[in-house]
Amino acid sequence: MLTQVNTAQLDYTPRKVEKDGRSYTVVPVVMMVEGVHAGSQGPVLHLQQYFSQNPESWNGKPLTNGHPRNKDGQFVSVDQVDENEWIVGYIDNTYIEDSKLKAEAWIDDQKAVAINPEIINYITEQRTLDVSTGSRTRDKEEKGLHNNEAYQKITTHYDPDHLALLPGSQGACSWSDGCGIRNNTNMKDKNKRPEPINSLQANADGFRELVSLASEKLHKLDNSAASHYVVEMFDDKVIYEEYTENSTRFYSQDYSLSDNGDLEFTGAPTEVRRKVDFVPVQSNQAAKQTATNSCGCDSLKRTKFNNNTKTNTAMSEKNQPTGEVMDKVSALVNNERTRFTKGDRKWLLELNEEQLDKLVPSEPEAQEVSREQALQALQEDFSDIEKVKQLLPEDIRKSVETGITAYQEQRTQLIKRIQANTGDTWTQESLEDMDTDTLERIEKSSRKVDYSGQGSSAITNNQQSDGVAPMLPAGIELES
C-alpha cells in the first residue's frame, strides 16, 4: 500500500501527480555529476561540456528497475525488453546546473509496485536511492587524472536510452558522488513547492478522473519559472495555484467536458484569493444565501456526477487500482504455491479485492501419517548421526560423541597399519569404505613376522621364548 510521505527528514519533497488517468510520484534526481565514474567500461571521465550538449534528449526516456537484461542476462537497450517487466516511469524537465545533469523522475505508482515495490518503499522510508544512466556513448581513449582520480577514457557523446533506479545497489555515479534521488535547488525543479499528497478527496465516482484531466492541462502551462497545481474542482470551474519562487497566486478557470470525456479550458483565467471564515450556524436556507467557498468565489458547487452519464463512463475506465489491490497482486505473484509471473501483473491489477482473494491458494489439509510412513521417517533420521545426537539428552550426547571419536580414531589407526604393511595394495578411499570388522581382519592378516634374533630352529626359539617344551613324537627326546 502507498502511504503518505513524512518529508520532515528528507532534503526533497515527493509530489503526487495525476496524469493521463495514472498516479505518479514525482521526485528530483541528479543523473550525472562531472568527474570520474567507474562503470561497465572502467573508470571514465564525464565532463559537463559533453553531457550538457543535449540534456533535453533525456526527457521522456524510461525509468527502469535496474538496467534491462535479456533472457541470457546480457545488458540491452530498453527497447529490447518487455516494458511490463522493467519500465516504472519516465524522465522529464532535464537541465544542467552546477556541473550536474538534473531532472525529475516520474515514477508510475502502479507499475513500480507491480514490478518492484522497493522503489516506492525507498522513497517513503527516506532511504538513499542510487541511479545509473543507460546510454549509447562515444568514448575517446585517453588516460589521465581528474581531481586526483585516474581515468582511462573520456565520454564525448551521449545517446540516452534509460535511467535505472537501483534500490539496494550502487550506481557508477553513486550517492556519495552526488548522484541519485535527491534535492535539486534550481527553480526548474518543481519539487521546491510540494503538491500536498492526497489533498483532494473524491466526493463521487469520477471526481479523481476529472482532477487528473485538469492536472494534465495545467501541467502544459509549467515552465522554468512557474508550476501549476489543482486546488479544487467545481461543476464548471477549476481553482488552481500558480507557484513561483517569489509568489503564489490562485486562479479560477472555466472548463467544459465533451461527449467523449475530454476537458477543455474556456475563456481566460481569473485571479482569485483564498478566503477562510467561520460563521454562526444558520438554517439551511440562510446558509445557502451566505455560502462562500475557500477561494472566495460565491455559489460554486463541488463537482458530482451521475454514474449513468457518458462522461462518467468514459472516465471510469481509467480508475486506478487501490493500494490494497496492488499489495494482493504482488503477494500472488510472489506466492510459491501459485503459477503467476510478472507477466500476469497487468491483468491481475484489473481485478478487485474479492476476485483476487479467490485466487489465493488454500492451505493444504494436514494428512494423516501411517505407521509405515512414521517408521520410514524415523529410519531416515537415524541414518544421520547428527540428527540422532540432537535427540539425545546432553549428558548422553557427550558420551556418544566421546565414543564416536574413539571409534573414528580406531579406524584411522587400522587403515594406517594396513597401508604400512601392504604398501600400495589398498587405497585410502577403498579402505575408508569398508566396515570396521573387515579392516580388523585385513590388518591382522597383513602383519609381518619378524625372524630377527632367532636361531637355526624356529622350534628351539619358540621353546626359549615361550618357556614351554614342545610336544614331540613318542620315542624322540631332545638333548639339553
Protein backbone atom coordinates (compact mmCIF):
# COMPACT_ATOMS: atom_id res chain seq x y z
CA MET A 1 0.00 0.00 0.00
CA LEU A 2 1.22 3.51 -0.79
CA THR A 3 1.48 5.66 2.30
CA GLN A 4 1.79 9.39 2.78
CA VAL A 5 5.38 10.55 3.00
CA ASN A 6 6.73 12.25 6.08
CA THR A 7 9.01 14.80 4.41
CA ALA A 8 10.47 16.29 7.57
CA GLN A 9 13.70 14.26 7.28
CA LEU A 10 14.10 14.44 3.51
CA ASP A 11 16.08 17.00 1.54
CA TYR A 12 13.41 16.81 -1.16
CA THR A 13 9.64 16.53 -1.18
CA PRO A 14 7.94 13.83 -3.26
CA ARG A 15 4.92 15.14 -5.09
CA LYS A 16 1.82 13.24 -6.16
CA VAL A 17 0.53 13.99 -9.65
CA GLU A 18 -2.43 12.57 -11.57
CA LYS A 19 -1.69 12.45 -15.30
CA ASP A 20 -3.41 10.61 -18.15
CA GLY A 21 -5.50 8.77 -15.60
CA ARG A 22 -2.47 7.45 -13.72
CA SER A 23 -0.91 8.30 -10.36
CA TYR A 24 2.75 9.37 -10.28
CA THR A 25 5.26 10.03 -7.51
CA VAL A 26 7.50 12.81 -8.84
CA VAL A 27 10.94 13.25 -7.27
CA PRO A 28 14.07 15.22 -8.20
CA VAL A 29 17.07 13.32 -9.48
CA VAL A 30 20.73 14.07 -10.21
CA MET A 31 21.65 11.77 -13.11
CA MET A 32 25.26 12.77 -13.71
CA VAL A 33 27.98 14.79 -11.96
CA GLU A 34 31.20 15.91 -13.63
CA GLY A 35 34.03 13.61 -12.58
CA VAL A 36 35.48 10.10 -12.91
CA HIS A 37 32.94 7.28 -12.52
CA ALA A 38 33.72 3.56 -12.75
CA GLY A 39 31.02 1.81 -14.75
CA SER A 40 30.92 -1.13 -17.16
CA GLN A 41 33.76 0.44 -19.19
CA GLY A 42 36.05 1.01 -16.20
CA PRO A 43 36.95 4.47 -14.85
CA VAL A 44 35.60 7.00 -17.37
CA LEU A 45 35.76 10.80 -17.17
CA HIS A 46 32.42 12.58 -17.65
CA LEU A 47 32.66 16.32 -18.38
CA GLN A 48 29.88 18.89 -18.38
CA GLN A 49 30.96 20.19 -21.79
CA TYR A 50 29.87 16.84 -23.24
CA PHE A 51 26.88 15.68 -21.18
CA SER A 52 25.36 19.18 -21.36
CA GLN A 53 25.15 19.14 -25.17
CA ASN A 54 21.67 17.59 -25.35
CA PRO A 55 20.02 17.44 -21.89
CA GLU A 56 16.52 17.75 -23.38
CA SER A 57 17.03 14.42 -25.21
CA TRP A 58 16.59 12.68 -21.83
CA ASN A 59 13.01 13.95 -21.50
CA GLY A 60 10.54 11.11 -21.97
CA LYS A 61 13.16 8.36 -21.66
CA PRO A 62 12.07 5.41 -19.50
CA LEU A 63 12.81 4.89 -15.83
CA THR A 64 13.69 1.24 -15.25
CA ASN A 65 14.02 -1.13 -12.32
CA GLY A 66 17.75 -1.69 -12.68
CA HIS A 67 19.46 -1.92 -16.08
CA PRO A 68 17.43 -4.05 -18.54
CA ARG A 69 18.77 -7.51 -19.34
CA ASN A 70 17.72 -10.10 -21.92
CA LYS A 71 16.99 -13.76 -21.18
CA ASP A 72 20.72 -14.53 -21.35
CA GLY A 73 21.46 -11.97 -18.65
CA GLN A 74 23.13 -9.51 -21.05
CA PHE A 75 22.57 -5.76 -20.69
CA VAL A 76 20.45 -4.47 -23.58
CA SER A 77 18.56 -1.39 -24.72
CA VAL A 78 15.22 -0.79 -23.03
CA ASP A 79 13.61 -1.25 -26.46
CA GLN A 80 14.59 -4.94 -26.41
CA VAL A 81 12.78 -5.96 -23.21
CA ASP A 82 9.16 -6.26 -22.05
CA GLU A 83 8.16 -2.88 -20.65
CA ASN A 84 5.78 -4.55 -18.17
CA GLU A 85 8.80 -6.19 -16.52
CA TRP A 86 11.19 -3.23 -16.50
CA ILE A 87 9.71 0.25 -17.05
CA VAL A 88 8.40 2.07 -13.95
CA GLY A 89 8.08 5.64 -15.25
CA TYR A 90 9.88 8.28 -17.29
CA ILE A 91 12.23 11.29 -17.08
CA ASP A 92 11.12 14.89 -17.51
CA ASN A 93 12.30 18.50 -17.05
CA THR A 94 16.01 17.79 -17.65
CA TYR A 95 18.52 20.63 -17.27
CA ILE A 96 22.14 21.43 -16.39
CA GLU A 97 23.20 23.17 -13.19
CA ASP A 98 26.46 23.32 -11.21
CA SER A 99 28.18 20.75 -13.47
CA LYS A 100 25.30 18.33 -12.84
CA LEU A 101 22.68 16.76 -15.10
CA LYS A 102 19.39 17.13 -13.21
CA ALA A 103 15.80 16.13 -13.94
CA GLU A 104 12.51 14.91 -12.49
CA ALA A 105 11.79 11.20 -12.13
CA TRP A 106 8.10 10.49 -12.78
CA ILE A 107 7.51 7.14 -11.07
CA ASP A 108 4.29 5.38 -12.09
CA ASP A 109 2.93 4.16 -8.74
CA GLN A 110 1.04 1.22 -10.22
CA LYS A 111 3.94 -0.02 -12.36
CA ALA A 112 6.54 0.48 -9.61
CA VAL A 113 4.53 -1.53 -7.08
CA ALA A 114 3.84 -4.25 -9.64
CA ILE A 115 7.49 -4.58 -10.78
CA ASN A 116 9.46 -3.75 -7.61
CA PRO A 117 7.68 -2.27 -4.55
CA GLU A 118 11.09 -1.44 -3.03
CA ILE A 119 11.30 1.61 -5.31
CA ILE A 120 8.32 3.22 -3.57
CA ASN A 121 9.47 1.90 -0.19
CA TYR A 122 12.88 3.59 -0.55
CA ILE A 123 11.20 6.93 -1.18
CA THR A 124 8.54 6.70 1.51
CA GLU A 125 11.01 5.33 4.08
CA GLN A 126 13.54 8.11 3.38
CA ARG A 127 16.35 5.81 2.22
CA THR A 128 19.04 6.91 -0.23
CA LEU A 129 18.26 5.67 -3.74
CA ASP A 130 21.04 5.44 -6.34
CA VAL A 131 20.51 5.78 -10.08
CA SER A 132 22.55 4.87 -13.16
CA THR A 133 22.32 6.28 -16.67
CA GLY A 134 21.94 3.91 -19.58
CA SER A 135 23.07 5.41 -22.88
CA ARG A 136 24.96 4.66 -26.05
CA THR A 137 28.20 6.61 -25.86
CA ARG A 138 31.21 7.56 -27.92
CA ASP A 139 34.41 7.42 -25.88
CA LYS A 140 37.87 8.81 -26.52
CA GLU A 141 40.75 6.55 -25.43
CA GLU A 142 42.79 8.79 -23.16
CA LYS A 143 44.42 8.21 -19.79
CA GLY A 144 44.91 10.90 -17.18
CA LEU A 145 43.94 12.33 -13.79
CA HIS A 146 40.94 14.46 -12.91
CA ASN A 147 40.82 15.75 -9.33
CA ASN A 148 43.43 13.11 -8.43
CA GLU A 149 41.27 10.30 -9.87
CA ALA A 150 42.68 8.21 -12.71
CA TYR A 151 40.61 7.60 -15.84
CA GLN A 152 41.09 5.53 -18.98
CA LYS A 153 38.52 7.13 -21.30
CA ILE A 154 36.56 10.33 -21.81
CA THR A 155 32.94 10.14 -22.94
CA THR A 156 32.35 12.71 -25.66
CA HIS A 157 28.76 11.87 -26.75
CA TYR A 158 25.65 10.51 -25.05
CA ASP A 159 22.64 8.94 -26.78
CA PRO A 160 20.12 8.47 -23.90
CA ASP A 161 18.34 5.12 -23.57
CA HIS A 162 17.05 4.91 -19.97
CA LEU A 163 17.72 5.82 -16.34
CA ALA A 164 17.94 2.87 -13.95
CA LEU A 165 16.67 3.11 -10.37
CA LEU A 166 18.85 0.96 -8.09
CA PRO A 167 17.22 0.18 -4.73
CA GLY A 168 19.80 -1.75 -2.72
CA SER A 169 22.61 -1.21 -5.26
CA GLN A 170 25.19 1.47 -6.04
CA GLY A 171 25.49 3.30 -9.34
CA ALA A 172 28.69 4.29 -11.12
CA CYS A 173 27.88 7.88 -10.21
CA SER A 174 26.87 6.98 -6.66
CA TRP A 175 25.06 8.83 -3.90
CA SER A 176 28.41 9.81 -2.37
CA ASP A 177 29.43 11.27 -5.74
CA GLY A 178 26.35 13.50 -5.67
CA CYS A 179 24.00 11.47 -7.90
CA GLY A 180 20.71 9.78 -7.03
CA ILE A 181 17.19 10.73 -5.99
CA ARG A 182 17.94 13.94 -4.14
CA ASN A 183 17.21 17.67 -3.93
CA ASN A 184 17.52 19.95 -6.95
CA THR A 185 17.77 23.56 -5.84
CA ASN A 186 17.20 25.34 -9.16
CA MET A 187 13.77 26.81 -9.79
CA LYS A 188 13.45 24.47 -12.73
CA ASP A 189 12.90 21.86 -10.06
CA LYS A 190 9.18 21.80 -9.42
CA ASN A 191 9.64 19.97 -6.13
CA LYS A 192 10.61 23.15 -4.31
CA ARG A 193 6.94 23.68 -3.60
CA PRO A 194 5.30 20.29 -2.98
CA GLU A 195 1.80 19.49 -4.06
CA PRO A 196 0.00 18.21 -0.92
CA ILE A 197 -0.30 14.45 -1.05
CA ASN A 198 -3.91 13.28 -1.12
CA SER A 199 -5.06 16.86 -0.58
CA LEU A 200 -8.10 16.35 -2.83
CA GLN A 201 -10.70 13.83 -1.74
CA ALA A 202 -13.26 12.26 -4.08
CA ASN A 203 -16.85 13.17 -3.31
CA ALA A 204 -18.29 10.96 -6.05
CA ASP A 205 -17.22 8.43 -8.65
CA GLY A 206 -15.28 10.16 -11.40
CA PHE A 207 -14.02 13.10 -9.34
CA ARG A 208 -10.42 11.89 -9.25
CA GLU A 209 -10.51 11.30 -13.01
CA LEU A 210 -11.67 14.88 -13.55
CA VAL A 211 -8.84 16.17 -11.38
CA SER A 212 -6.41 14.10 -13.48
CA LEU A 213 -7.67 15.74 -16.67
CA ALA A 214 -7.36 19.22 -15.19
CA SER A 215 -3.88 18.47 -13.81
CA GLU A 216 -2.75 17.32 -17.24
CA LYS A 217 -3.96 20.58 -18.80
CA LEU A 218 -2.26 22.67 -16.11
CA HIS A 219 0.98 20.73 -16.46
CA LYS A 220 1.27 22.09 -20.02
CA LEU A 221 1.42 25.61 -18.54
CA ASP A 222 4.50 24.77 -16.46
CA ASN A 223 7.80 26.40 -17.35
CA SER A 224 11.18 27.09 -15.76
CA ALA A 225 9.70 29.88 -13.62
CA ALA A 226 6.31 28.56 -12.50
CA SER A 227 4.43 25.38 -11.61
CA HIS A 228 0.65 24.88 -11.56
CA TYR A 229 -1.47 22.67 -9.26
CA VAL A 230 -5.15 21.87 -8.90
CA VAL A 231 -6.57 23.23 -5.63
CA GLU A 232 -10.28 22.48 -6.04
CA MET A 233 -12.77 21.28 -8.68
CA PHE A 234 -16.32 22.51 -9.28
CA ASP A 235 -19.03 21.76 -11.84
CA ASP A 236 -17.75 24.31 -14.34
CA LYS A 237 -14.60 25.80 -12.78
CA VAL A 238 -11.21 24.59 -11.60
CA ILE A 239 -9.29 26.55 -8.96
CA TYR A 240 -5.57 26.23 -9.45
CA GLU A 241 -2.42 27.60 -7.89
CA GLU A 242 0.48 29.12 -9.79
CA TYR A 243 3.65 28.76 -7.73
CA THR A 244 6.85 30.71 -8.41
CA GLU A 245 9.96 31.25 -6.32
CA ASN A 246 8.70 34.62 -5.10
CA SER A 247 4.90 34.31 -5.04
CA THR A 248 1.85 32.06 -5.00
CA ARG A 249 -1.32 33.04 -6.85
CA PHE A 250 -4.73 31.41 -7.25
CA TYR A 251 -6.81 31.41 -10.43
CA SER A 252 -10.31 30.33 -11.41
CA GLN A 253 -10.54 28.72 -14.85
CA ASP A 254 -13.79 27.78 -16.61
CA TYR A 255 -13.89 24.44 -18.38
CA SER A 256 -16.22 22.21 -20.34
CA LEU A 257 -16.46 18.47 -20.97
CA SER A 258 -17.03 16.95 -24.40
CA ASP A 259 -19.15 13.87 -25.04
CA ASN A 260 -16.06 11.68 -25.14
CA GLY A 261 -14.87 12.93 -21.74
CA ASP A 262 -12.18 15.43 -22.83
CA LEU A 263 -11.73 18.52 -20.65
CA GLU A 264 -11.15 21.89 -22.33
CA PHE A 265 -10.44 25.26 -20.69
CA THR A 266 -12.81 28.01 -21.85
CA GLY A 267 -12.08 31.72 -21.63
CA ALA A 268 -9.28 33.39 -19.72
CA PRO A 269 -8.43 32.54 -16.10
CA THR A 270 -9.46 34.98 -13.36
CA GLU A 271 -7.19 35.63 -10.41
CA VAL A 272 -8.91 34.90 -7.08
CA ARG A 273 -7.91 34.90 -3.45
CA ARG A 274 -8.22 32.26 -0.79
CA LYS A 275 -10.75 33.11 1.94
CA VAL A 276 -11.30 31.07 5.09
CA ASP A 277 -14.02 32.08 7.56
CA PHE A 278 -16.06 30.68 10.45
CA VAL A 279 -19.68 31.83 10.69
CA PRO A 280 -22.54 31.09 13.13
CA VAL A 281 -24.68 28.05 12.42
CA GLN A 282 -27.77 29.12 10.42
CA SER A 283 -30.78 27.46 8.88
CA ASN A 284 -30.20 25.62 5.65
CA GLN A 285 -31.79 28.39 3.58
CA ALA A 286 -29.75 31.13 5.27
CA ALA A 287 -26.58 29.10 4.92
CA LYS A 288 -27.16 28.75 1.18
CA GLN A 289 -27.52 32.51 0.83
CA THR A 290 -24.22 33.27 2.59
CA ALA A 291 -22.16 30.27 1.47
CA THR A 292 -18.68 31.19 0.29
CA ASN A 293 -16.14 28.63 -0.87
CA SER A 294 -12.49 28.52 0.15
CA CYS A 295 -11.23 30.59 -2.77
CA GLY A 296 -13.71 33.45 -2.26
CA CYS A 297 -15.82 32.52 -5.31
CA ASP A 298 -19.52 32.59 -4.27
CA SER A 299 -22.07 29.94 -5.20
CA LEU A 300 -19.69 27.45 -6.76
CA LYS A 301 -20.84 23.87 -6.48
CA ARG A 302 -18.47 20.97 -5.88
CA THR A 303 -18.45 18.56 -8.82
CA LYS A 304 -20.65 15.44 -8.69
CA PHE A 305 -21.53 13.05 -11.48
CA ASN A 306 -24.36 10.76 -12.41
CA ASN A 307 -22.85 7.33 -12.93
CA ASN A 308 -25.10 6.81 -15.95
CA THR A 309 -23.68 9.73 -17.96
CA LYS A 310 -21.40 9.16 -20.93
CA THR A 311 -18.79 11.41 -19.36
CA ASN A 312 -18.52 9.35 -16.23
CA THR A 313 -18.50 6.10 -18.19
CA ALA A 314 -15.56 7.28 -20.25
CA MET A 315 -13.59 8.40 -17.23
CA SER A 316 -14.43 5.44 -15.02
CA GLU A 317 -12.46 3.21 -17.38
CA LYS A 318 -9.35 4.98 -16.11
CA ASN A 319 -9.91 4.04 -12.47
CA GLN A 320 -6.66 3.01 -10.89
CA PRO A 321 -6.27 0.01 -8.56
CA THR A 322 -6.11 0.74 -4.85
CA GLY A 323 -3.07 0.11 -2.73
CA GLU A 324 -4.79 -2.99 -1.31
CA VAL A 325 -5.25 -4.40 -4.81
CA MET A 326 -1.58 -3.77 -5.68
CA ASP A 327 -0.47 -5.45 -2.43
CA LYS A 328 -2.64 -8.51 -3.17
CA VAL A 329 -1.29 -8.76 -6.73
CA SER A 330 2.31 -8.62 -5.50
CA ALA A 331 1.53 -11.31 -2.91
CA LEU A 332 0.00 -13.59 -5.57
CA VAL A 333 2.99 -13.24 -7.92
CA ASN A 334 5.46 -13.88 -5.07
CA ASN A 335 3.49 -16.83 -3.68
CA GLU A 336 5.39 -20.04 -4.46
CA ARG A 337 2.12 -22.00 -4.50
CA THR A 338 0.71 -20.05 -7.46
CA ARG A 339 1.78 -20.08 -11.10
CA PHE A 340 1.52 -16.32 -11.60
CA THR A 341 4.54 -14.47 -13.03
CA LYS A 342 5.42 -10.82 -13.53
CA GLY A 343 3.79 -11.04 -16.93
CA ASP A 344 0.42 -11.60 -15.22
CA ARG A 345 0.55 -8.38 -13.17
CA LYS A 346 -1.17 -6.25 -15.80
CA TRP A 347 -4.41 -8.24 -15.96
CA LEU A 348 -4.35 -9.08 -12.25
CA LEU A 349 -4.37 -5.35 -11.44
CA GLU A 350 -7.68 -5.07 -13.29
CA LEU A 351 -9.39 -7.35 -10.73
CA ASN A 352 -10.99 -6.20 -7.48
CA GLU A 353 -10.04 -7.36 -3.99
CA GLU A 354 -12.76 -10.01 -3.79
CA GLN A 355 -11.71 -11.57 -7.09
CA LEU A 356 -8.03 -11.55 -6.06
CA ASP A 357 -8.86 -13.23 -2.73
CA LYS A 358 -10.40 -16.14 -4.65
CA LEU A 359 -7.08 -16.68 -6.44
CA VAL A 360 -5.14 -17.20 -3.21
CA PRO A 361 -4.43 -20.95 -2.89
CA SER A 362 -5.93 -22.58 0.17
CA GLU A 363 -3.68 -24.10 2.79
CA PRO A 364 -3.12 -27.84 2.15
CA GLU A 365 -5.04 -30.07 4.53
CA ALA A 366 -2.97 -31.94 7.09
CA GLN A 367 -2.67 -35.60 6.06
CA GLU A 368 -2.68 -38.50 8.49
CA VAL A 369 0.65 -40.29 8.68
CA SER A 370 0.58 -44.08 8.59
CA ARG A 371 2.69 -46.25 10.92
CA GLU A 372 4.84 -47.36 7.96
CA GLN A 373 5.46 -43.73 6.94
CA ALA A 374 6.40 -42.78 10.50
CA LEU A 375 8.86 -45.70 10.77
CA GLN A 376 10.38 -44.79 7.42
CA ALA A 377 10.84 -41.19 8.55
CA LEU A 378 12.49 -42.35 11.78
CA GLN A 379 14.77 -44.65 9.86
CA GLU A 380 15.83 -41.80 7.60
CA ASP A 381 16.53 -39.61 10.63
CA PHE A 382 18.53 -42.36 12.39
CA SER A 383 20.76 -42.72 9.33
CA ASP A 384 22.06 -39.23 10.07
CA ILE A 385 24.25 -39.30 13.17
CA GLU A 386 23.89 -35.55 13.70
CA LYS A 387 20.08 -35.83 13.82
CA VAL A 388 20.37 -38.74 16.25
CA LYS A 389 22.65 -36.74 18.58
CA GLN A 390 20.18 -33.85 18.66
CA LEU A 391 17.52 -36.23 20.00
CA LEU A 392 19.65 -37.29 22.99
CA PRO A 393 19.91 -35.59 26.41
CA GLU A 394 23.09 -33.55 26.83
CA ASP A 395 24.95 -35.93 29.14
CA ILE A 396 24.21 -38.95 26.95
CA ARG A 397 25.06 -36.98 23.82
CA LYS A 398 28.52 -36.17 25.22
CA SER A 399 29.16 -39.86 25.97
CA VAL A 400 28.08 -40.81 22.47
CA GLU A 401 30.32 -38.14 20.95
CA THR A 402 33.29 -39.46 23.00
CA GLY A 403 32.61 -42.99 21.77
CA ILE A 404 32.31 -41.82 18.18
CA THR A 405 35.65 -40.02 18.47
CA ALA A 406 37.34 -43.17 19.83
CA TYR A 407 35.71 -45.27 17.11
CA GLN A 408 36.94 -42.97 14.37
CA GLU A 409 40.46 -42.97 15.85
CA GLN A 410 40.44 -46.80 15.89
CA ARG A 411 39.53 -46.90 12.19
CA THR A 412 42.21 -44.35 11.39
CA GLN A 413 44.91 -46.44 13.09
CA LEU A 414 43.74 -49.64 11.39
CA ILE A 415 43.95 -48.00 7.97
CA LYS A 416 47.43 -46.63 8.70
CA ARG A 417 48.74 -50.06 9.75
CA ILE A 418 47.21 -51.79 6.72
CA GLN A 419 48.82 -49.29 4.33
CA ALA A 420 52.15 -49.59 6.17
CA ASN A 421 52.05 -53.40 5.85
CA THR A 422 50.73 -53.70 2.30
CA GLY A 423 52.19 -50.68 0.51
CA ASP A 424 50.06 -49.67 -2.50
CA THR A 425 47.76 -52.70 -2.34
CA TRP A 426 44.89 -50.77 -0.73
CA THR A 427 43.93 -47.14 -1.46
CA GLN A 428 42.79 -44.75 1.24
CA GLU A 429 39.35 -44.43 -0.35
CA SER A 430 38.71 -48.16 -0.62
CA LEU A 431 39.73 -48.76 2.99
CA GLU A 432 37.52 -45.92 4.27
CA ASP A 433 34.52 -47.51 2.54
CA MET A 434 35.00 -50.78 4.47
CA ASP A 435 33.33 -51.60 7.77
CA THR A 436 35.47 -51.88 10.88
CA ASP A 437 35.33 -55.72 11.16
CA THR A 438 36.75 -56.08 7.66
CA LEU A 439 39.52 -53.60 8.44
CA GLU A 440 40.47 -55.58 11.55
CA ARG A 441 40.71 -58.85 9.56
CA ILE A 442 42.81 -57.25 6.83
CA GLU A 443 45.11 -55.62 9.38
CA LYS A 444 45.61 -58.94 11.22
CA SER A 445 46.37 -60.88 8.04
CA SER A 446 48.79 -58.22 6.81
CA ARG A 447 51.05 -58.27 9.89
CA LYS A 448 54.68 -59.08 9.05
CA VAL A 449 56.55 -61.87 11.00
CA ASP A 450 59.89 -60.72 12.40
CA TYR A 451 62.54 -63.52 12.49
CA SER A 452 65.43 -61.30 13.55
CA GLY A 453 67.48 -62.67 16.53
CA GLN A 454 66.18 -66.26 16.12
CA GLY A 455 68.43 -69.37 15.92
CA SER A 456 68.50 -72.05 13.25
CA SER A 457 65.41 -73.71 14.61
CA ALA A 458 62.13 -71.97 15.00
CA ILE A 459 61.05 -74.62 17.42
CA THR A 460 64.05 -74.05 19.65
CA ASN A 461 63.36 -70.36 19.50
CA ASN A 462 59.75 -70.87 20.48
CA GLN A 463 60.81 -73.06 23.30
CA GLN A 464 63.16 -70.41 24.56
CA SER A 465 60.78 -67.56 24.15
CA ASP A 466 57.68 -69.25 25.48
CA GLY A 467 59.37 -71.30 28.23
CA VAL A 468 57.17 -74.30 27.33
CA ALA A 469 58.68 -77.51 25.94
CA PRO A 470 57.15 -78.53 22.64
CA MET A 471 55.33 -81.85 22.41
CA LEU A 472 57.39 -84.43 20.43
CA PRO A 473 56.51 -87.77 18.83
CA ALA A 474 56.84 -90.88 21.01
CA GLY A 475 60.42 -92.17 21.32
CA ILE A 476 62.01 -88.76 20.47
CA GLU A 477 63.96 -86.85 23.08
CA LEU A 478 65.86 -83.61 22.89
CA GLU A 479 69.31 -83.27 24.38
CA SER A 480 69.60 -80.49 26.90
